[in-house]
Amino acid sequence: RHPAVDVPALMGRSGAVCKRGGEGAMTSQSREEIQEINQELLLHNKWLTRKGGRRADLSFRDMSGMDVSKIRLTGAKLVGTNLAKAKLVGCDLLGAELFGADLEGADLTGANLMGADFRGANLHRAVLTDCQLKGADFRTDAA
């Protein structure tokens, strides 16, 4: 298990927890959208550490190409979220809801995906090297 992420420390000088992808990455998010997503992640971290906050609901958001590596997204709701080409290296997605999410080309190397719901998600060309997959649901139909 990953320890609770110290989100303010991750923010650093740029003020971003999640950030646009690396060099040459194309993202379509505005500065305001990135700030909204960061705020949701901060509240989620508080919720996880039982210091208030709330469970993250990033359903149907465009997070394509973003770098959210090593962020603790345990139990987060990411239904229908566009995470194409996103970098989720070392993320804790334990029990997260990714039903119908687009993870095409996403890098999930070393992520904890135990108990996560990937039903109907697009994982074409996604990197799942060294992931923990116990109990993850990868059914292609919603049955």
C-alpha atoms as a PDB file:
ATOM      1  CA  ARG A   1       0.000   0.000   0.000  1.00  0.00           C
ATOM      2  CA  HIS A   2       1.041   3.529  -0.681  1.00  0.00           C
ATOM      3  CA  PRO A   3       1.107   5.972   2.200  1.00  0.00           C
ATOM      4  CA  ALA A   4      -1.197   8.953   1.977  1.00  0.00           C
ATOM      5  CA  VAL A   5       0.307  11.366  -0.506  1.00  0.00           C
ATOM      6  CA  ASP A   6       1.333  14.723   0.865  1.00  0.00           C
ATOM      7  CA  VAL A   7      -0.440  16.590  -1.903  1.00  0.00           C
ATOM      8  CA  PRO A   8       0.693  20.116  -0.889  1.00  0.00           C
ATOM      9  CA  ALA A   9       4.329  18.933  -0.985  1.00  0.00           C
ATOM     10  CA  LEU A  10       3.755  17.488  -4.448  1.00  0.00           C
ATOM     11  CA  MET A  11       2.388  20.793  -5.639  1.00  0.00           C
ATOM     12  CA  GLY A  12       5.750  22.529  -5.340  1.00  0.00           C
ATOM     13  CA  ARG A  13       6.229  25.931  -6.906  1.00  0.00           C
ATOM     14  CA  SER A  14       4.007  25.284  -9.919  1.00  0.00           C
ATOM     15  CA  GLY A  15       0.907  24.651  -7.806  1.00  0.00           C
ATOM     16  CA  ALA A  16       0.096  21.515  -9.814  1.00  0.00           C
ATOM     17  CA  VAL A  17      -0.494  18.039  -8.469  1.00  0.00           C
ATOM     18  CA  CYS A  18      -1.475  16.713 -11.824  1.00  0.00           C
ATOM     19  CA  LYS A  19       0.331  18.374 -14.629  1.00  0.00           C
ATOM     20  CA  ARG A  20       0.469  18.376 -18.360  1.00  0.00           C
ATOM     21  CA  GLY A  21       2.338  15.439 -19.816  1.00  0.00           C
ATOM     22  CA  GLY A  22       6.067  15.484 -20.404  1.00  0.00           C
ATOM     23  CA  GLU A  23       7.987  17.051 -23.203  1.00  0.00           C
ATOM     24  CA  GLY A  24       6.139  16.865 -26.508  1.00  0.00           C
ATOM     25  CA  ALA A  25       2.894  15.658 -24.895  1.00  0.00           C
ATOM     26  CA  MET A  26      -0.274  17.214 -26.220  1.00  0.00           C
ATOM     27  CA  THR A  27      -3.015  18.023 -23.726  1.00  0.00           C
ATOM     28  CA  SER A  28      -6.179  19.986 -24.174  1.00  0.00           C
ATOM     29  CA  GLN A  29      -6.812  21.099 -20.587  1.00  0.00           C
ATOM     30  CA  SER A  30      -6.892  24.749 -19.673  1.00  0.00           C
ATOM     31  CA  ARG A  31      -5.122  26.073 -16.601  1.00  0.00           C
ATOM     32  CA  GLU A  32      -8.540  26.354 -14.904  1.00  0.00           C
ATOM     33  CA  GLU A  33      -9.391  22.708 -15.652  1.00  0.00           C
ATOM     34  CA  ILE A  34      -6.070  21.577 -14.198  1.00  0.00           C
ATOM     35  CA  GLN A  35      -6.700  23.693 -11.077  1.00  0.00           C
ATOM     36  CA  GLU A  36     -10.182  22.130 -10.675  1.00  0.00           C
ATOM     37  CA  ILE A  37      -8.721  18.631 -10.955  1.00  0.00           C
ATOM     38  CA  ASN A  38      -5.972  19.509  -8.456  1.00  0.00           C
ATOM     39  CA  GLN A  39      -8.591  20.819  -6.018  1.00  0.00           C
ATOM     40  CA  GLU A  40     -10.537  17.565  -6.357  1.00  0.00           C
ATOM     41  CA  LEU A  41      -7.322  15.607  -5.653  1.00  0.00           C
ATOM     42  CA  LEU A  42      -6.569  17.724  -2.572  1.00  0.00           C
ATOM     43  CA  LEU A  43     -10.059  17.090  -1.175  1.00  0.00           C
ATOM     44  CA  HIS A  44      -9.703  13.373  -1.951  1.00  0.00           C
ATOM     45  CA  ASN A  45      -6.414  13.216  -0.042  1.00  0.00           C
ATOM     46  CA  LYS A  46      -8.105  14.843   2.971  1.00  0.00           C
ATOM     47  CA  TRP A  47     -10.936  12.302   2.690  1.00  0.00           C
ATOM     48  CA  LEU A  48      -8.454   9.416   2.605  1.00  0.00           C
ATOM     49  CA  THR A  49      -6.677  10.674   5.715  1.00  0.00           C
ATOM     50  CA  ARG A  50     -10.000  11.323   7.483  1.00  0.00           C
ATOM     51  CA  LYS A  51      -9.353  15.055   7.731  1.00  0.00           C
ATOM     52  CA  GLY A  52     -12.523  16.196   5.994  1.00  0.00           C
ATOM     53  CA  GLY A  53     -12.623  16.532   2.252  1.00  0.00           C
ATOM     54  CA  ARG A  54     -14.592  14.179   0.023  1.00  0.00           C
ATOM     55  CA  ARG A  55     -14.147  11.258  -2.339  1.00  0.00           C
ATOM     56  CA  ALA A  56     -12.839  12.420  -5.713  1.00  0.00           C
ATOM     57  CA  ASP A  57     -15.367  12.348  -8.536  1.00  0.00           C
ATOM     58  CA  LEU A  58     -13.516  13.032 -11.778  1.00  0.00           C
ATOM     59  CA  SER A  59     -16.098  11.261 -13.922  1.00  0.00           C
ATOM     60  CA  PHE A  60     -16.189  12.280 -17.577  1.00  0.00           C
ATOM     61  CA  ARG A  61     -13.287  14.716 -17.138  1.00  0.00           C
ATOM     62  CA  ASP A  62     -10.554  15.107 -19.745  1.00  0.00           C
ATOM     63  CA  MET A  63      -7.298  14.092 -18.074  1.00  0.00           C
ATOM     64  CA  SER A  64      -5.671  12.891 -21.278  1.00  0.00           C
ATOM     65  CA  GLY A  65      -1.906  13.269 -21.350  1.00  0.00           C
ATOM     66  CA  MET A  66      -1.734  14.374 -17.706  1.00  0.00           C
ATOM     67  CA  ASP A  67       0.911  13.148 -15.296  1.00  0.00           C
ATOM     68  CA  VAL A  68      -0.697  11.962 -12.051  1.00  0.00           C
ATOM     69  CA  SER A  69       2.079   9.526 -11.154  1.00  0.00           C
ATOM     70  CA  LYS A  70       2.248   8.306  -7.537  1.00  0.00           C
ATOM     71  CA  ILE A  71      -1.029   9.991  -6.602  1.00  0.00           C
ATOM     72  CA  ARG A  72      -3.262   8.066  -4.202  1.00  0.00           C
ATOM     73  CA  LEU A  73      -6.602   7.623  -5.975  1.00  0.00           C
ATOM     74  CA  THR A  74      -7.934   4.875  -3.718  1.00  0.00           C
ATOM     75  CA  GLY A  75     -11.694   4.593  -4.226  1.00  0.00           C
ATOM     76  CA  ALA A  76     -11.822   7.541  -6.646  1.00  0.00           C
ATOM     77  CA  LYS A  77     -14.668   7.766  -9.150  1.00  0.00           C
ATOM     78  CA  LEU A  78     -13.248   8.041 -12.689  1.00  0.00           C
ATOM     79  CA  VAL A  79     -16.258   6.759 -14.650  1.00  0.00           C
ATOM     80  CA  GLY A  80     -15.931   7.625 -18.339  1.00  0.00           C
ATOM     81  CA  THR A  81     -12.824   9.724 -17.676  1.00  0.00           C
ATOM     82  CA  ASN A  82     -10.476  10.349 -20.600  1.00  0.00           C
ATOM     83  CA  LEU A  83      -7.058   9.190 -19.394  1.00  0.00           C
ATOM     84  CA  ALA A  84      -5.650   8.454 -22.843  1.00  0.00           C
ATOM     85  CA  LYS A  85      -1.851   8.716 -22.831  1.00  0.00           C
ATOM     86  CA  ALA A  86      -1.915   9.761 -19.174  1.00  0.00           C
ATOM     87  CA  LYS A  87       0.986   8.870 -16.908  1.00  0.00           C
ATOM     88  CA  LEU A  88      -0.292   6.985 -13.838  1.00  0.00           C
ATOM     89  CA  VAL A  89       3.010   5.344 -12.851  1.00  0.00           C
ATOM     90  CA  GLY A  90       2.854   4.046  -9.283  1.00  0.00           C
ATOM     91  CA  CYS A  91      -0.695   5.315  -8.705  1.00  0.00           C
ATOM     92  CA  ASP A  92      -2.817   3.725  -6.019  1.00  0.00           C
ATOM     93  CA  LEU A  93      -6.136   2.988  -7.738  1.00  0.00           C
ATOM     94  CA  LEU A  94      -7.262   0.438  -5.142  1.00  0.00           C
ATOM     95  CA  GLY A  95     -11.025   0.014  -5.533  1.00  0.00           C
ATOM     96  CA  ALA A  96     -11.294   2.931  -7.984  1.00  0.00           C
ATOM     97  CA  GLU A  97     -14.208   3.086 -10.422  1.00  0.00           C
ATOM     98  CA  LEU A  98     -12.927   3.368 -13.999  1.00  0.00           C
ATOM     99  CA  PHE A  99     -16.031   1.978 -15.689  1.00  0.00           C
ATOM    100  CA  GLY A 100     -15.979   3.012 -19.364  1.00  0.00           C
ATOM    101  CA  ALA A 101     -12.802   5.093 -18.923  1.00  0.00           C
ATOM    102  CA  ASP A 102     -10.462   5.670 -21.866  1.00  0.00           C
ATOM    103  CA  LEU A 103      -6.951   4.577 -20.889  1.00  0.00           C
ATOM    104  CA  GLU A 104      -5.624   4.059 -24.413  1.00  0.00           C
ATOM    105  CA  GLY A 105      -1.841   4.340 -24.339  1.00  0.00           C
ATOM    106  CA  ALA A 106      -1.818   5.194 -20.608  1.00  0.00           C
ATOM    107  CA  ASP A 107       1.224   4.197 -18.544  1.00  0.00           C
ATOM    108  CA  LEU A 108       0.131   2.394 -15.365  1.00  0.00           C
ATOM    109  CA  THR A 109       3.529   0.850 -14.601  1.00  0.00           C
ATOM    110  CA  GLY A 110       3.670  -0.307 -10.984  1.00  0.00           C
ATOM    111  CA  ALA A 111       0.146   0.875 -10.184  1.00  0.00           C
ATOM    112  CA  ASN A 112      -2.043  -0.765  -7.553  1.00  0.00           C
ATOM    113  CA  LEU A 113      -5.195  -1.760  -9.458  1.00  0.00           C
ATOM    114  CA  MET A 114      -6.517  -4.231  -6.885  1.00  0.00           C
ATOM    115  CA  GLY A 115     -10.312  -4.297  -6.846  1.00  0.00           C
ATOM    116  CA  ALA A 116     -10.565  -1.532  -9.446  1.00  0.00           C
ATOM    117  CA  ASP A 117     -13.537  -1.571 -11.831  1.00  0.00           C
ATOM    118  CA  PHE A 118     -12.357  -1.404 -15.439  1.00  0.00           C
ATOM    119  CA  ARG A 119     -15.564  -2.819 -16.980  1.00  0.00           C
ATOM    120  CA  GLY A 120     -15.927  -1.503 -20.506  1.00  0.00           C
ATOM    121  CA  ALA A 121     -12.734   0.570 -20.231  1.00  0.00           C
ATOM    122  CA  ASN A 122     -10.457   1.032 -23.243  1.00  0.00           C
ATOM    123  CA  LEU A 123      -7.026  -0.311 -22.287  1.00  0.00           C
ATOM    124  CA  HIS A 124      -5.674  -0.607 -25.844  1.00  0.00           C
ATOM    125  CA  ARG A 125      -1.868  -0.127 -25.767  1.00  0.00           C
ATOM    126  CA  ALA A 126      -1.952   0.684 -22.029  1.00  0.00           C
ATOM    127  CA  VAL A 127       1.181  -0.330 -20.110  1.00  0.00           C
ATOM    128  CA  LEU A 128       0.339  -2.572 -17.139  1.00  0.00           C
ATOM    129  CA  THR A 129       3.860  -3.728 -16.252  1.00  0.00           C
ATOM    130  CA  ASP A 130       4.359  -4.698 -12.581  1.00  0.00           C
ATOM    131  CA  CYS A 131       0.773  -3.789 -11.630  1.00  0.00           C
ATOM    132  CA  GLN A 132      -1.115  -5.382  -8.770  1.00  0.00           C
ATOM    133  CA  LEU A 133      -4.248  -6.764 -10.404  1.00  0.00           C
ATOM    134  CA  LYS A 134      -5.887  -8.980  -7.767  1.00  0.00           C
ATOM    135  CA  GLY A 135      -9.659  -8.579  -7.867  1.00  0.00           C
ATOM    136  CA  ALA A 136      -9.633  -6.014 -10.685  1.00  0.00           C
ATOM    137  CA  ASP A 137     -12.646  -6.321 -13.008  1.00  0.00           C
ATOM    138  CA  PHE A 138     -11.725  -6.165 -16.696  1.00  0.00           C
ATOM    139  CA  ARG A 139     -14.966  -7.479 -18.200  1.00  0.00           C
ATOM    140  CA  THR A 140     -15.628  -5.989 -21.614  1.00  0.00           C
ATOM    141  CA  ASP A 141     -19.400  -6.029 -21.237  1.00  0.00           C
ATOM    142  CA  ALA A 142     -21.294  -4.321 -18.423  1.00  0.00           C
ATOM    143  CA  ALA A 143     -22.842  -7.611 -17.256  1.00  0.00           C
END
